[in-house]
C-alpha atoms as a PDB file:
ATOM      1  CA  ASN A   1       7.894  41.365 -11.506  1.00  0.00           C
ATOM      2  CA  GLY A   2       9.623  44.729 -11.569  1.00  0.00           C
ATOM      3  CA  ALA A   3       6.945  46.851  -9.888  1.00  0.00           C
ATOM      4  CA  GLU A   4       8.100  50.218  -8.601  1.00  0.00           C
ATOM      5  CA  ILE A   5       4.865  51.227  -6.841  1.00  0.00           C
ATOM      6  CA  VAL A   6       2.334  48.855  -5.273  1.00  0.00           C
ATOM      7  CA  PHE A   7      -0.969  50.212  -4.006  1.00  0.00           C
ATOM      8  CA  ASN A   8      -2.622  48.556  -1.020  1.00  0.00           C
ATOM      9  CA  PRO A   9      -6.240  49.733  -0.818  1.00  0.00           C
ATOM     10  CA  SER A  10      -7.865  48.769   2.452  1.00  0.00           C
ATOM     11  CA  ALA A  11     -11.008  49.139   4.526  1.00  0.00           C
ATOM     12  CA  THR A  12      -9.603  48.417   7.965  1.00  0.00           C
ATOM     13  CA  VAL A  13     -11.015  49.136  11.407  1.00  0.00           C
ATOM     14  CA  GLY A  14      -9.926  48.290  14.904  1.00  0.00           C
ATOM     15  CA  GLU A  15      -7.422  49.045  17.584  1.00  0.00           C
ATOM     16  CA  LEU A  16      -5.440  45.860  16.960  1.00  0.00           C
ATOM     17  CA  SER A  17      -4.496  46.596  13.352  1.00  0.00           C
ATOM     18  CA  GLU A  18      -3.929  50.348  13.528  1.00  0.00           C
ATOM     19  CA  PRO A  19      -0.454  50.238  15.153  1.00  0.00           C
ATOM     20  CA  MET A  20       0.681  47.725  12.510  1.00  0.00           C
ATOM     21  CA  TRP A  21      -0.616  49.756   9.560  1.00  0.00           C
ATOM     22  CA  PRO A  22       2.552  51.840   8.941  1.00  0.00           C
ATOM     23  CA  ILE A  23       4.890  49.005   9.940  1.00  0.00           C
ATOM     24  CA  GLU A  24       3.450  46.507   7.450  1.00  0.00           C
ATOM     25  CA  ALA A  25       3.690  48.973   4.581  1.00  0.00           C
ATOM     26  CA  ARG A  26       7.224  50.023   5.429  1.00  0.00           C
ATOM     27  CA  ASN A  27       8.289  46.387   5.762  1.00  0.00           C
ATOM     28  CA  ALA A  28       6.829  45.525   2.344  1.00  0.00           C
ATOM     29  CA  ALA A  29       8.560  48.533   0.769  1.00  0.00           C
ATOM     30  CA  ILE A  30      11.951  47.586   2.209  1.00  0.00           C
ATOM     31  CA  ALA A  31      11.740  43.840   1.557  1.00  0.00           C
ATOM     32  CA  ASN A  32      10.591  44.266  -2.048  1.00  0.00           C
ATOM     33  CA  SER A  33      12.463  47.456  -2.977  1.00  0.00           C
ATOM     34  CA  TYR A  34       9.372  49.327  -4.149  1.00  0.00           C
ATOM     35  CA  PHE A  35       7.124  52.148  -2.996  1.00  0.00           C
ATOM     36  CA  VAL A  36       3.886  51.226  -1.215  1.00  0.00           C
ATOM     37  CA  GLY A  37       0.768  53.368  -1.362  1.00  0.00           C
ATOM     38  CA  SER A  38      -1.289  52.440   1.705  1.00  0.00           C
ATOM     39  CA  ILE A  39      -4.849  53.655   1.264  1.00  0.00           C
ATOM     40  CA  ASN A  40      -7.458  53.196   4.000  1.00  0.00           C
ATOM     41  CA  ARG A  41     -11.050  54.351   4.299  1.00  0.00           C
ATOM     42  CA  VAL A  42     -12.035  57.108   6.704  1.00  0.00           C
ATOM     43  CA  GLY A  43     -15.095  57.388   8.923  1.00  0.00           C
ATOM     44  CA  THR A  44     -17.890  55.091  10.029  1.00  0.00           C
ATOM     45  CA  GLU A  45     -20.366  53.420   7.701  1.00  0.00           C
ATOM     46  CA  THR A  46     -23.742  52.616   9.253  1.00  0.00           C
ATOM     47  CA  PHE A  47     -26.389  50.174   8.051  1.00  0.00           C
ATOM     48  CA  PRO A  48     -30.184  50.429   8.402  1.00  0.00           C
ATOM     49  CA  ASN A  49     -30.552  47.044  10.122  1.00  0.00           C
ATOM     50  CA  PRO A  50     -28.559  45.844  13.147  1.00  0.00           C
ATOM     51  CA  PHE A  51     -26.358  42.784  12.614  1.00  0.00           C
ATOM     52  CA  THR A  52     -23.996  40.575  14.572  1.00  0.00           C
ATOM     53  CA  SER A  53     -20.472  39.620  13.584  1.00  0.00           C
ATOM     54  CA  GLY A  54     -20.725  36.169  15.154  1.00  0.00           C
ATOM     55  CA  ASP A  55     -18.326  37.189  17.913  1.00  0.00           C
ATOM     56  CA  GLY A  56     -20.819  36.949  20.774  1.00  0.00           C
ATOM     57  CA  LYS A  57     -21.112  40.718  21.095  1.00  0.00           C
ATOM     58  CA  PRO A  58     -24.495  42.497  20.856  1.00  0.00           C
ATOM     59  CA  GLN A  59     -25.927  43.527  17.505  1.00  0.00           C
ATOM     60  CA  HIS A  60     -24.633  46.770  16.033  1.00  0.00           C
ATOM     61  CA  ILE A  61     -25.183  48.928  12.957  1.00  0.00           C
ATOM     62  CA  ASP A  62     -21.565  49.612  11.963  1.00  0.00           C
ATOM     63  CA  PHE A  63     -18.201  47.854  11.633  1.00  0.00           C
ATOM     64  CA  GLY A  64     -16.329  50.469  13.651  1.00  0.00           C
ATOM     65  CA  HIS A  65     -14.213  53.483  12.714  1.00  0.00           C
ATOM     66  CA  PHE A  66     -12.133  53.232   9.533  1.00  0.00           C
ATOM     67  CA  TYR A  67      -8.966  54.952  10.709  1.00  0.00           C
ATOM     68  CA  GLY A  68      -7.699  56.371   7.417  1.00  0.00           C
ATOM     69  CA  SER A  69      -4.036  57.314   7.866  1.00  0.00           C
ATOM     70  CA  SER A  70      -3.203  56.759   4.180  1.00  0.00           C
ATOM     71  CA  HIS A  71       0.465  57.284   3.323  1.00  0.00           C
ATOM     72  CA  PHE A  72       3.357  56.256   1.054  1.00  0.00           C
ATOM     73  CA  SER A  73       6.308  54.144   2.218  1.00  0.00           C
ATOM     74  CA  ALA A  74       9.619  54.071   0.367  1.00  0.00           C
ATOM     75  CA  PRO A  75      12.132  51.251  -0.097  1.00  0.00           C
ATOM     76  CA  ASP A  76      14.675  53.197   1.979  1.00  0.00           C
ATOM     77  CA  ALA A  77      12.299  53.012   5.019  1.00  0.00           C
ATOM     78  CA  SER A  78      11.157  56.614   4.768  1.00  0.00           C
ATOM     79  CA  CYS A  79       7.482  57.487   4.562  1.00  0.00           C
ATOM     80  CA  THR A  80       5.272  60.481   3.995  1.00  0.00           C
ATOM     81  CA  PRO A  81       3.183  61.976   6.764  1.00  0.00           C
ATOM     82  CA  SER A  82      -0.160  60.181   7.013  1.00  0.00           C
ATOM     83  CA  LEU A  83      -3.459  61.718   6.018  1.00  0.00           C
ATOM     84  CA  SER A  84      -6.158  62.330   8.616  1.00  0.00           C
ATOM     85  CA  ARG A  85      -7.865  59.637  10.676  1.00  0.00           C
ATOM     86  CA  HIS A  86     -11.158  61.534  10.436  1.00  0.00           C
ATOM     87  CA  ARG A  87     -11.408  63.314   7.052  1.00  0.00           C
ATOM     88  CA  ASP A  88     -11.003  62.403   3.403  1.00  0.00           C
ATOM     89  CA  GLY A  89      -7.849  63.792   1.865  1.00  0.00           C
ATOM     90  CA  LEU A  90      -5.547  63.791  -1.135  1.00  0.00           C
ATOM     91  CA  LEU A  91      -1.861  62.931  -0.789  1.00  0.00           C
ATOM     92  CA  ILE A  92       0.490  64.050  -3.547  1.00  0.00           C
ATOM     93  CA  SER A  93       4.099  62.952  -3.281  1.00  0.00           C
ATOM     94  CA  ASP A  94       7.228  63.052  -5.432  1.00  0.00           C
ATOM     95  CA  MET A  95       8.965  59.688  -5.748  1.00  0.00           C
ATOM     96  CA  ASP A  96      12.337  58.919  -7.247  1.00  0.00           C
ATOM     97  CA  LEU A  97      11.665  55.575  -8.936  1.00  0.00           C
ATOM     98  CA  ASN A  98      15.421  55.152  -9.469  1.00  0.00           C
ATOM     99  CA  LEU A  99      15.615  54.538  -5.718  1.00  0.00           C
ATOM    100  CA  CYS A 100      14.038  51.113  -6.269  1.00  0.00           C
ATOM    101  CA  ARG A 101      16.870  49.965  -8.568  1.00  0.00           C
ATOM    102  CA  GLN A 102      19.570  51.628  -6.461  1.00  0.00           C
ATOM    103  CA  LEU A 103      18.474  49.799  -3.314  1.00  0.00           C
ATOM    104  CA  LYS A 104      18.035  46.478  -5.127  1.00  0.00           C
ATOM    105  CA  ASP A 105      21.626  46.792  -6.309  1.00  0.00           C
ATOM    106  CA  LYS A 106      22.931  47.985  -2.935  1.00  0.00           C
ATOM    107  CA  TRP A 107      21.209  45.479  -0.643  1.00  0.00           C
ATOM    108  CA  GLY A 108      21.125  42.478  -2.971  1.00  0.00           C
ATOM    109  CA  PHE A 109      18.126  40.790  -1.318  1.00  0.00           C
ATOM    110  CA  ARG A 110      17.143  38.969  -4.505  1.00  0.00           C
ATOM    111  CA  MET A 111      20.697  37.934  -5.252  1.00  0.00           C
ATOM    112  CA  THR A 112      21.049  36.181  -1.904  1.00  0.00           C
ATOM    113  CA  SER A 113      17.522  34.763  -1.669  1.00  0.00           C
ATOM    114  CA  ARG A 114      16.981  31.018  -2.003  1.00  0.00           C
ATOM    115  CA  TYR A 115      13.545  30.704  -3.598  1.00  0.00           C
ATOM    116  CA  ASN A 116      13.939  27.008  -4.473  1.00  0.00           C
ATOM    117  CA  LEU A 117      14.849  26.209  -0.865  1.00  0.00           C
ATOM    118  CA  TYR A 118      11.905  28.258   0.421  1.00  0.00           C
ATOM    119  CA  ALA A 119       9.541  26.417  -1.954  1.00  0.00           C
ATOM    120  CA  ASP A 120      10.843  22.999  -0.833  1.00  0.00           C
ATOM    121  CA  LEU A 121      10.474  23.868   2.851  1.00  0.00           C
ATOM    122  CA  LEU A 122       6.996  25.272   2.332  1.00  0.00           C
ATOM    123  CA  ALA A 123       5.952  22.105   0.467  1.00  0.00           C
ATOM    124  CA  GLN A 124       7.126  20.022   3.454  1.00  0.00           C
ATOM    125  CA  TYR A 125       5.269  22.221   5.954  1.00  0.00           C
ATOM    126  CA  LEU A 126       2.039  21.925   3.965  1.00  0.00           C
ATOM    127  CA  LYS A 127       1.945  18.126   4.104  1.00  0.00           C
ATOM    128  CA  PRO A 128      -0.840  16.796   6.369  1.00  0.00           C
ATOM    129  CA  ASP A 129       1.593  14.552   8.273  1.00  0.00           C
ATOM    130  CA  PHE A 130       4.175  17.306   8.873  1.00  0.00           C
ATOM    131  CA  GLU A 131       5.689  17.299  12.357  1.00  0.00           C
ATOM    132  CA  PRO A 132       7.819  20.318  13.242  1.00  0.00           C
ATOM    133  CA  GLN A 133      11.235  19.805  14.745  1.00  0.00           C
ATOM    134  CA  VAL A 134      11.112  21.146  18.293  1.00  0.00           C
ATOM    135  CA  ILE A 135      14.404  21.840  20.020  1.00  0.00           C
ATOM    136  CA  SER A 136      14.196  22.598  23.708  1.00  0.00           C
ATOM    137  CA  ASP A 137      16.925  23.520  26.146  1.00  0.00           C
ATOM    138  CA  PRO A 138      16.756  21.020  29.040  1.00  0.00           C
ATOM    139  CA  LEU A 139      18.062  23.675  31.429  1.00  0.00           C
ATOM    140  CA  LEU A 140      14.875  25.651  30.906  1.00  0.00           C
ATOM    141  CA  HIS A 141      12.823  22.715  32.155  1.00  0.00           C
ATOM    142  CA  LYS A 142      15.076  21.678  35.028  1.00  0.00           C
ATOM    143  CA  LYS A 143      13.183  21.414  38.300  1.00  0.00           C
ATOM    144  CA  SER A 144      14.658  23.473  41.080  1.00  0.00           C
ATOM    145  CA  SER A 145      15.524  21.657  44.306  1.00  0.00           C
END
């Protein structure tokens, strides 16, 4: 819709998601030719009563450490240094919004995209009776003698 900056506020914890945090933002910035402001909470919030997350682990009083690391990603794959993992901070950055249009024109992602085809394929995949086409190389399943 012509956005030049998209903000992604988050409250994310965990070792599994932290390595993906800068990659996801950078990917979104490149694919959509806009800047992404990735904002994540910092610290640990505790609650007065222990609770369980339904994962079979013992009760606890917090969700884990919110790893912060807020940053901006640009459509040319560059990004600012991240803020702290442990302290609140303020990130101020200059952005050339003309870069969005320049890269849209240069890379032509939207010009070569096939949204109608994508919509048709997605509609097929969402049908309850959908069966994916599986192609397998028989040489991979050949029994050795």
